[in-house]
Amino acid sequence: MATTIEDVLAVLAKNAKRMRGDRTQADLAEASGLTVSQISQIESGRPENPPSVRTLVALANGLGVDVSELLKRAAG
């Protein structure tokens, strides 16, 4: 089965929200060097303007995880 950009963005959105935990979007924006708007867009999973690789790296660094963890589907 082929993976679509919508599938990848949905996984990214779910993982980013989960990994952010109790932190606010503003806290994560400060830790990652991204804007609150960028964090919000990533967490919404909207496909209109997918994040760049540079943005994914910044997000992963802000969360303290590997980029691969952001894109990993849940088992099951």
N, C-alpha and C. Protein backbone atom coordinates (compact mmCIF):
# COMPACT_ATOMS: atom_id res chain seq x y z
N MET A 1 0.84 -1.19 0.00
CA MET A 1 0.00 0.00 0.00
C MET A 1 0.88 1.25 0.00
N ALA A 2 0.59 2.18 -0.86
CA ALA A 2 1.37 3.41 -0.97
C ALA A 2 1.05 4.36 0.18
N THR A 3 2.05 5.09 0.59
CA THR A 3 1.88 6.10 1.63
C THR A 3 1.70 7.45 0.95
N THR A 4 0.72 8.21 1.41
CA THR A 4 0.47 9.54 0.85
C THR A 4 1.05 10.61 1.77
N ILE A 5 1.18 11.82 1.25
CA ILE A 5 1.64 12.93 2.08
C ILE A 5 0.66 13.16 3.23
N GLU A 6 -0.62 12.95 2.96
CA GLU A 6 -1.63 13.12 4.02
C GLU A 6 -1.41 12.12 5.15
N ASP A 7 -1.02 10.89 4.80
CA ASP A 7 -0.72 9.87 5.82
C ASP A 7 0.47 10.30 6.68
N VAL A 8 1.51 10.77 6.03
CA VAL A 8 2.72 11.17 6.74
C VAL A 8 2.43 12.37 7.65
N LEU A 9 1.69 13.34 7.15
CA LEU A 9 1.38 14.52 7.96
C LEU A 9 0.48 14.19 9.14
N ALA A 10 -0.43 13.23 8.96
CA ALA A 10 -1.29 12.80 10.07
C ALA A 10 -0.47 12.14 11.18
N VAL A 11 0.49 11.30 10.80
CA VAL A 11 1.37 10.65 11.77
C VAL A 11 2.23 11.70 12.47
N LEU A 12 2.79 12.61 11.70
CA LEU A 12 3.61 13.69 12.26
C LEU A 12 2.80 14.52 13.26
N ALA A 13 1.58 14.89 12.89
CA ALA A 13 0.74 15.72 13.77
C ALA A 13 0.46 15.00 15.08
N LYS A 14 0.08 13.74 14.99
CA LYS A 14 -0.23 12.96 16.19
C LYS A 14 0.99 12.82 17.10
N ASN A 15 2.13 12.49 16.50
CA ASN A 15 3.35 12.30 17.29
C ASN A 15 3.83 13.61 17.90
N ALA A 16 3.77 14.70 17.15
CA ALA A 16 4.23 15.99 17.67
C ALA A 16 3.39 16.40 18.88
N LYS A 17 2.07 16.24 18.79
CA LYS A 17 1.21 16.59 19.92
C LYS A 17 1.52 15.72 21.13
N ARG A 18 1.66 14.43 20.90
CA ARG A 18 1.93 13.49 21.99
C ARG A 18 3.27 13.80 22.65
N MET A 19 4.29 14.03 21.84
CA MET A 19 5.63 14.27 22.36
C MET A 19 5.75 15.63 23.05
N ARG A 20 4.92 16.58 22.65
CA ARG A 20 4.94 17.90 23.30
C ARG A 20 4.46 17.77 24.74
N GLY A 21 3.56 16.84 24.98
CA GLY A 21 3.08 16.59 26.34
C GLY A 21 2.40 17.79 26.95
N ASP A 22 2.85 18.16 28.14
CA ASP A 22 2.24 19.27 28.89
C ASP A 22 2.77 20.65 28.48
N ARG A 23 3.78 20.66 27.65
CA ARG A 23 4.34 21.94 27.21
C ARG A 23 3.37 22.66 26.28
N THR A 24 3.41 23.96 26.29
CA THR A 24 2.58 24.72 25.37
C THR A 24 3.26 24.78 24.00
N GLN A 25 2.49 25.17 23.00
CA GLN A 25 3.08 25.37 21.69
C GLN A 25 4.14 26.47 21.75
N ALA A 26 3.92 27.47 22.57
CA ALA A 26 4.90 28.56 22.71
C ALA A 26 6.20 28.03 23.32
N ASP A 27 6.10 27.15 24.30
CA ASP A 27 7.30 26.55 24.89
C ASP A 27 8.09 25.77 23.84
N LEU A 28 7.37 24.97 23.06
CA LEU A 28 8.03 24.17 22.03
C LEU A 28 8.61 25.07 20.94
N ALA A 29 7.89 26.12 20.59
CA ALA A 29 8.41 27.06 19.58
C ALA A 29 9.74 27.66 20.05
N GLU A 30 9.80 28.05 21.30
CA GLU A 30 11.04 28.63 21.84
C GLU A 30 12.17 27.60 21.85
N ALA A 31 11.85 26.37 22.25
CA ALA A 31 12.87 25.32 22.33
C ALA A 31 13.38 24.91 20.95
N SER A 32 12.54 25.02 19.94
CA SER A 32 12.91 24.54 18.61
C SER A 32 13.36 25.64 17.66
N GLY A 33 13.09 26.90 18.02
CA GLY A 33 13.42 27.99 17.11
C GLY A 33 12.39 28.17 16.02
N LEU A 34 11.25 27.52 16.16
CA LEU A 34 10.14 27.68 15.21
C LEU A 34 9.16 28.69 15.77
N THR A 35 8.16 29.04 14.98
CA THR A 35 7.11 29.94 15.46
C THR A 35 5.94 29.12 15.99
N VAL A 36 5.12 29.75 16.80
CA VAL A 36 3.91 29.08 17.30
C VAL A 36 3.03 28.70 16.12
N SER A 37 2.98 29.55 15.11
CA SER A 37 2.20 29.26 13.91
C SER A 37 2.69 27.98 13.22
N GLN A 38 4.00 27.82 13.13
CA GLN A 38 4.55 26.60 12.51
C GLN A 38 4.18 25.36 13.33
N ILE A 39 4.29 25.45 14.65
CA ILE A 39 3.95 24.32 15.51
C ILE A 39 2.47 23.98 15.33
N SER A 40 1.63 25.00 15.33
CA SER A 40 0.19 24.80 15.17
C SER A 40 -0.13 24.13 13.84
N GLN A 41 0.52 24.58 12.79
CA GLN A 41 0.27 24.01 11.47
C GLN A 41 0.71 22.54 11.42
N ILE A 42 1.86 22.24 12.00
CA ILE A 42 2.34 20.85 12.03
C ILE A 42 1.36 19.98 12.80
N GLU A 43 0.92 20.46 13.96
CA GLU A 43 0.02 19.67 14.79
C GLU A 43 -1.37 19.53 14.20
N SER A 44 -1.72 20.38 13.25
CA SER A 44 -3.03 20.27 12.59
C SER A 44 -3.00 19.21 11.49
N GLY A 45 -1.80 18.91 10.97
CA GLY A 45 -1.68 17.92 9.91
C GLY A 45 -2.18 18.38 8.55
N ARG A 46 -2.37 19.69 8.38
CA ARG A 46 -2.87 20.22 7.10
C ARG A 46 -1.83 20.04 6.00
N PRO A 47 -2.26 19.54 4.85
CA PRO A 47 -1.32 19.27 3.77
C PRO A 47 -1.00 20.46 2.87
N GLU A 48 -1.61 21.63 3.11
CA GLU A 48 -1.42 22.76 2.19
C GLU A 48 0.03 23.23 2.13
N ASN A 49 0.72 23.18 3.25
CA ASN A 49 2.09 23.69 3.31
C ASN A 49 2.91 22.76 4.20
N PRO A 50 3.30 21.59 3.69
CA PRO A 50 4.02 20.63 4.53
C PRO A 50 5.36 21.19 5.03
N PRO A 51 5.78 20.78 6.23
CA PRO A 51 7.04 21.30 6.77
C PRO A 51 8.24 20.81 5.97
N SER A 52 9.26 21.65 5.93
CA SER A 52 10.51 21.28 5.27
C SER A 52 11.31 20.33 6.16
N VAL A 53 12.34 19.75 5.59
CA VAL A 53 13.24 18.90 6.36
C VAL A 53 13.89 19.73 7.46
N ARG A 54 14.27 20.95 7.16
CA ARG A 54 14.88 21.85 8.15
C ARG A 54 13.92 22.06 9.34
N THR A 55 12.64 22.23 9.05
CA THR A 55 11.64 22.42 10.09
C THR A 55 11.48 21.15 10.92
N LEU A 56 11.47 20.00 10.26
CA LEU A 56 11.36 18.73 10.99
C LEU A 56 12.55 18.52 11.92
N VAL A 57 13.74 18.88 11.47
CA VAL A 57 14.94 18.75 12.30
C VAL A 57 14.83 19.68 13.51
N ALA A 58 14.40 20.91 13.29
CA ALA A 58 14.25 21.86 14.40
C ALA A 58 13.20 21.37 15.40
N LEU A 59 12.09 20.85 14.90
CA LEU A 59 11.04 20.32 15.77
C LEU A 59 11.57 19.15 16.59
N ALA A 60 12.23 18.22 15.92
CA ALA A 60 12.79 17.06 16.62
C ALA A 60 13.79 17.50 17.69
N ASN A 61 14.65 18.45 17.37
CA ASN A 61 15.61 18.95 18.36
C ASN A 61 14.90 19.59 19.54
N GLY A 62 13.86 20.36 19.27
CA GLY A 62 13.10 20.99 20.34
C GLY A 62 12.40 19.98 21.25
N LEU A 63 12.03 18.85 20.66
CA LEU A 63 11.37 17.79 21.43
C LEU A 63 12.37 16.83 22.07
N GLY A 64 13.62 16.91 21.63
CA GLY A 64 14.65 16.01 22.16
C GLY A 64 14.54 14.59 21.63
N VAL A 65 14.09 14.48 20.37
CA VAL A 65 13.95 13.16 19.74
C VAL A 65 14.60 13.16 18.37
N ASP A 66 14.72 11.99 17.78
CA ASP A 66 15.19 11.83 16.41
C ASP A 66 14.06 12.15 15.44
N VAL A 67 14.37 12.68 14.28
CA VAL A 67 13.36 12.95 13.28
C VAL A 67 12.56 11.68 12.97
N SER A 68 13.25 10.56 12.95
CA SER A 68 12.56 9.28 12.64
C SER A 68 11.44 8.99 13.63
N GLU A 69 11.60 9.42 14.88
CA GLU A 69 10.56 9.21 15.88
C GLU A 69 9.31 10.02 15.57
N LEU A 70 9.48 11.19 14.99
CA LEU A 70 8.33 12.03 14.62
C LEU A 70 7.49 11.37 13.53
N LEU A 71 8.14 10.58 12.69
CA LEU A 71 7.46 10.02 11.53
C LEU A 71 7.06 8.55 11.70
N LYS A 72 7.33 8.02 12.87
CA LYS A 72 7.08 6.60 13.11
C LYS A 72 5.61 6.35 13.42
N ARG A 73 5.04 5.40 12.69
CA ARG A 73 3.65 5.00 12.94
C ARG A 73 3.59 4.17 14.21
N ALA A 74 2.49 4.25 14.90
CA ALA A 74 2.28 3.43 16.10
C ALA A 74 2.15 1.97 15.68
N ALA A 75 2.68 1.07 16.49
CA ALA A 75 2.56 -0.36 16.19
C ALA A 75 1.10 -0.77 16.28
N GLY A 76 0.74 -1.71 15.45
CA GLY A 76 -0.62 -2.24 15.53
C GLY A 76 -1.35 -1.98 14.34
